[in-house]
Structures are given as C-alpha cells and as structure tokens.
Amino acid sequence: MCSPEPINCFPMLLNILSNTFLRLFHSTARFRVWSQLFYTGENTELKNYIFFGLFTYLLVLAAGLPPLFAMGTVEDYKVKSRSC
C-alpha cells in the first residue's frame, strides 16, 4: 500500500480511514487518493539552508531551556516547597 517513503503513507492512511467511515455509514461515495513523488534531485544549497536553520533554532532552544528549569528551582526554594 505504501511506498518506502513515509511522505506517501499519510495520504494512503487518510484514504483508507475515509473510505472505511463512508462504508460504515452506507455511503456509495468513495475517496481516491494518488500522489506524485516530489522532485528528489540533489539540491545541496537547500539542504544546507534547512540544516543550518534547524541547527540555529535548536541552539536557541537549548540555550533557553536550562534557565527556565533553574528559575523554577529557585522559585521553589524561595517558597520552600518540597516534593513528596
């Protein structure tokens, strides 16, 4: 049913679920889904752009999360809360 690429499995899954629900309600209509593969040519510039964009996002995320946890711990210390 699915090709080895996961991007093509989602439309097929929706097709199967939609047709199953239509059959449950005794409808004569059916959905038909087909997909064409994306262009799979090598575009290294686009891959580098996506990689560095995601890498920058993760660096900002990684730099922002530890202070968030530290502030929660300091706040717990100030109000003298304890976990059981």
N, C-alpha and C. Protein backbone atom coordinates (compact mmCIF):
# COMPACT_ATOMS: atom_id res chain seq x y z
N MET A 1 0.80 -1.20 0.00
CA MET A 1 0.00 0.00 0.00
C MET A 1 0.85 1.26 0.00
N CYS A 2 1.90 1.27 0.79
CA CYS A 2 2.75 2.45 0.89
C CYS A 2 4.06 2.21 0.18
N SER A 3 4.58 3.26 -0.38
CA SER A 3 5.92 3.17 -0.91
C SER A 3 6.89 3.31 0.26
N PRO A 4 8.15 3.05 0.04
CA PRO A 4 9.10 3.12 1.17
C PRO A 4 9.25 4.51 1.78
N GLU A 5 8.79 5.53 1.12
CA GLU A 5 8.92 6.89 1.64
C GLU A 5 7.72 7.22 2.52
N PRO A 6 7.97 7.64 3.76
CA PRO A 6 6.87 7.90 4.68
C PRO A 6 5.94 9.03 4.25
N ILE A 7 6.42 9.93 3.39
CA ILE A 7 5.59 11.06 2.97
C ILE A 7 4.37 10.56 2.18
N ASN A 8 4.47 9.38 1.58
CA ASN A 8 3.37 8.86 0.79
C ASN A 8 2.41 8.01 1.59
N CYS A 9 2.77 7.63 2.81
CA CYS A 9 1.90 6.79 3.62
C CYS A 9 0.73 7.57 4.22
N PHE A 10 0.93 8.83 4.55
CA PHE A 10 -0.14 9.60 5.18
C PHE A 10 -1.37 9.76 4.28
N PRO A 11 -1.22 10.15 3.02
CA PRO A 11 -2.42 10.23 2.16
C PRO A 11 -3.11 8.88 2.01
N MET A 12 -2.33 7.81 1.95
CA MET A 12 -2.92 6.48 1.82
C MET A 12 -3.70 6.11 3.09
N LEU A 13 -3.15 6.44 4.24
CA LEU A 13 -3.83 6.18 5.50
C LEU A 13 -5.15 6.95 5.57
N LEU A 14 -5.13 8.22 5.18
CA LEU A 14 -6.36 9.02 5.17
C LEU A 14 -7.39 8.44 4.20
N ASN A 15 -6.92 7.95 3.08
CA ASN A 15 -7.82 7.35 2.10
C ASN A 15 -8.49 6.12 2.70
N ILE A 16 -7.73 5.26 3.35
CA ILE A 16 -8.28 4.05 3.93
C ILE A 16 -9.28 4.38 5.03
N LEU A 17 -8.91 5.32 5.91
CA LEU A 17 -9.82 5.69 7.00
C LEU A 17 -11.09 6.35 6.49
N SER A 18 -10.96 7.23 5.51
CA SER A 18 -12.14 7.91 4.97
C SER A 18 -13.09 6.92 4.31
N ASN A 19 -12.56 6.02 3.53
CA ASN A 19 -13.41 5.03 2.87
C ASN A 19 -14.03 4.07 3.87
N THR A 20 -13.32 3.76 4.94
CA THR A 20 -13.88 2.90 5.98
C THR A 20 -15.07 3.58 6.65
N PHE A 21 -14.91 4.86 6.98
CA PHE A 21 -16.02 5.58 7.60
C PHE A 21 -17.20 5.74 6.64
N LEU A 22 -16.92 5.93 5.37
CA LEU A 22 -18.02 6.03 4.40
C LEU A 22 -18.77 4.70 4.29
N ARG A 23 -18.05 3.60 4.34
CA ARG A 23 -18.73 2.30 4.28
C ARG A 23 -19.55 2.04 5.54
N LEU A 24 -19.04 2.50 6.69
CA LEU A 24 -19.79 2.32 7.94
C LEU A 24 -21.13 3.03 7.89
N PHE A 25 -21.18 4.17 7.20
CA PHE A 25 -22.42 4.93 7.10
C PHE A 25 -23.19 4.62 5.82
N HIS A 26 -22.84 3.52 5.18
CA HIS A 26 -23.55 3.02 3.99
C HIS A 26 -23.62 4.04 2.86
N SER A 27 -22.52 4.73 2.65
CA SER A 27 -22.47 5.70 1.57
C SER A 27 -21.91 5.02 0.32
N THR A 28 -22.34 5.50 -0.83
CA THR A 28 -21.82 4.94 -2.08
C THR A 28 -20.62 5.73 -2.59
N ALA A 29 -20.35 6.88 -1.99
CA ALA A 29 -19.21 7.70 -2.41
C ALA A 29 -17.91 7.08 -1.91
N ARG A 30 -16.85 7.30 -2.65
CA ARG A 30 -15.53 6.81 -2.25
C ARG A 30 -14.49 7.88 -2.54
N PHE A 31 -13.46 7.91 -1.72
CA PHE A 31 -12.31 8.79 -1.96
C PHE A 31 -11.25 8.02 -2.71
N ARG A 32 -10.59 8.71 -3.58
CA ARG A 32 -9.47 8.11 -4.31
C ARG A 32 -8.29 9.06 -4.19
N VAL A 33 -7.18 8.55 -3.72
CA VAL A 33 -6.01 9.38 -3.49
C VAL A 33 -4.85 8.86 -4.32
N TRP A 34 -4.14 9.77 -4.92
CA TRP A 34 -2.91 9.41 -5.60
C TRP A 34 -1.92 10.52 -5.34
N SER A 35 -0.69 10.18 -5.37
CA SER A 35 0.33 11.20 -5.13
C SER A 35 1.48 10.98 -6.08
N GLN A 36 2.08 12.07 -6.46
CA GLN A 36 3.27 12.00 -7.28
C GLN A 36 4.45 12.30 -6.36
N LEU A 37 5.53 11.64 -6.61
CA LEU A 37 6.70 11.84 -5.78
C LEU A 37 7.25 13.25 -5.97
N PHE A 38 7.81 13.78 -4.91
CA PHE A 38 8.46 15.07 -5.01
C PHE A 38 9.72 14.93 -5.84
N TYR A 39 10.17 16.03 -6.34
CA TYR A 39 11.43 16.02 -7.08
C TYR A 39 12.54 15.65 -6.11
N THR A 40 13.25 14.60 -6.41
CA THR A 40 14.27 14.10 -5.48
C THR A 40 15.68 14.42 -5.94
N GLY A 41 15.81 15.43 -6.76
CA GLY A 41 17.14 15.81 -7.22
C GLY A 41 17.98 16.38 -6.09
N GLU A 42 19.26 16.31 -6.25
CA GLU A 42 20.16 16.81 -5.22
C GLU A 42 20.23 18.34 -5.27
N ASN A 43 19.79 18.96 -4.22
CA ASN A 43 19.89 20.41 -4.09
C ASN A 43 20.61 20.68 -2.78
N THR A 44 21.93 20.71 -2.83
CA THR A 44 22.71 20.84 -1.60
C THR A 44 22.53 22.20 -0.95
N GLU A 45 22.28 23.23 -1.74
CA GLU A 45 22.08 24.56 -1.16
C GLU A 45 20.84 24.57 -0.27
N LEU A 46 19.76 23.96 -0.73
CA LEU A 46 18.53 23.91 0.05
C LEU A 46 18.73 23.05 1.30
N LYS A 47 19.42 21.93 1.16
CA LYS A 47 19.68 21.08 2.32
C LYS A 47 20.51 21.81 3.36
N ASN A 48 21.52 22.54 2.92
CA ASN A 48 22.35 23.31 3.86
C ASN A 48 21.53 24.40 4.54
N TYR A 49 20.67 25.06 3.79
CA TYR A 49 19.83 26.11 4.35
C TYR A 49 18.91 25.54 5.43
N ILE A 50 18.28 24.42 5.14
CA ILE A 50 17.39 23.79 6.11
C ILE A 50 18.17 23.31 7.32
N PHE A 51 19.31 22.68 7.10
CA PHE A 51 20.12 22.17 8.20
C PHE A 51 20.56 23.29 9.13
N PHE A 52 21.11 24.37 8.58
CA PHE A 52 21.60 25.44 9.43
C PHE A 52 20.45 26.22 10.09
N GLY A 53 19.31 26.29 9.43
CA GLY A 53 18.15 26.91 10.06
C GLY A 53 17.67 26.12 11.26
N LEU A 54 17.56 24.81 11.10
CA LEU A 54 17.15 23.96 12.21
C LEU A 54 18.21 23.93 13.31
N PHE A 55 19.47 23.92 12.92
CA PHE A 55 20.55 23.91 13.88
C PHE A 55 20.54 25.19 14.73
N THR A 56 20.30 26.33 14.09
CA THR A 56 20.21 27.60 14.81
C THR A 56 19.02 27.60 15.76
N TYR A 57 17.91 27.08 15.30
CA TYR A 57 16.71 27.01 16.14
C TYR A 57 16.98 26.14 17.37
N LEU A 58 17.62 25.00 17.18
CA LEU A 58 17.91 24.12 18.30
C LEU A 58 18.91 24.74 19.27
N LEU A 59 19.87 25.51 18.75
CA LEU A 59 20.81 26.18 19.65
C LEU A 59 20.10 27.20 20.53
N VAL A 60 19.19 27.96 19.94
CA VAL A 60 18.44 28.95 20.72
C VAL A 60 17.56 28.24 21.75
N LEU A 61 16.94 27.15 21.33
CA LEU A 61 16.11 26.38 22.24
C LEU A 61 16.94 25.79 23.37
N ALA A 62 18.10 25.23 23.05
CA ALA A 62 18.97 24.64 24.06
C ALA A 62 19.51 25.70 25.01
N ALA A 63 19.73 26.91 24.53
CA ALA A 63 20.23 27.97 25.40
C ALA A 63 19.12 28.53 26.29
N GLY A 64 17.88 28.40 25.90
CA GLY A 64 16.79 28.98 26.66
C GLY A 64 16.15 28.06 27.66
N LEU A 65 16.28 26.75 27.51
CA LEU A 65 15.61 25.84 28.42
C LEU A 65 16.27 25.70 29.79
N PRO A 66 17.58 25.57 29.92
CA PRO A 66 18.16 25.42 31.27
C PRO A 66 17.83 26.58 32.21
N PRO A 67 17.88 27.84 31.78
CA PRO A 67 17.47 28.90 32.71
C PRO A 67 16.01 28.78 33.15
N LEU A 68 15.17 28.25 32.28
CA LEU A 68 13.77 28.06 32.65
C LEU A 68 13.66 27.09 33.80
N PHE A 69 14.38 25.97 33.73
CA PHE A 69 14.36 25.00 34.82
C PHE A 69 15.00 25.58 36.07
N ALA A 70 16.07 26.33 35.90
CA ALA A 70 16.74 26.92 37.06
C ALA A 70 15.83 27.92 37.77
N MET A 71 15.08 28.70 37.02
CA MET A 71 14.18 29.68 37.63
C MET A 71 13.09 28.97 38.41
N GLY A 72 12.61 27.86 37.89
CA GLY A 72 11.61 27.09 38.63
C GLY A 72 12.16 26.56 39.92
N THR A 73 13.40 26.09 39.91
CA THR A 73 14.03 25.58 41.12
C THR A 73 14.25 26.68 42.14
N VAL A 74 14.70 27.84 41.69
CA VAL A 74 14.91 28.97 42.59
C VAL A 74 13.58 29.41 43.20
N GLU A 75 12.55 29.45 42.38
CA GLU A 75 11.23 29.84 42.87
C GLU A 75 10.73 28.84 43.92
N ASP A 76 10.95 27.55 43.68
CA ASP A 76 10.56 26.53 44.67
C ASP A 76 11.34 26.72 45.96
N TYR A 77 12.61 27.08 45.86
CA TYR A 77 13.43 27.28 47.04
C TYR A 77 12.94 28.48 47.85
N LYS A 78 12.52 29.53 47.14
CA LYS A 78 12.06 30.75 47.83
C LYS A 78 10.78 30.49 48.63
N VAL A 79 9.87 29.73 48.05
CA VAL A 79 8.61 29.48 48.75
C VAL A 79 8.68 28.23 49.63
N LYS A 80 9.87 27.62 49.68
CA LYS A 80 10.14 26.44 50.49
C LYS A 80 9.18 25.29 50.19
N SER A 81 8.95 25.06 48.91
CA SER A 81 8.09 23.93 48.52
C SER A 81 8.94 22.67 48.44
N ARG A 82 8.31 21.56 48.75
CA ARG A 82 9.02 20.28 48.72
C ARG A 82 8.13 19.26 48.01
N SER A 83 8.78 18.35 47.35
CA SER A 83 8.02 17.28 46.71
C SER A 83 8.01 16.07 47.63
N CYS A 84 6.94 15.31 47.57
CA CYS A 84 6.84 14.14 48.46
C CYS A 84 7.55 12.95 47.90
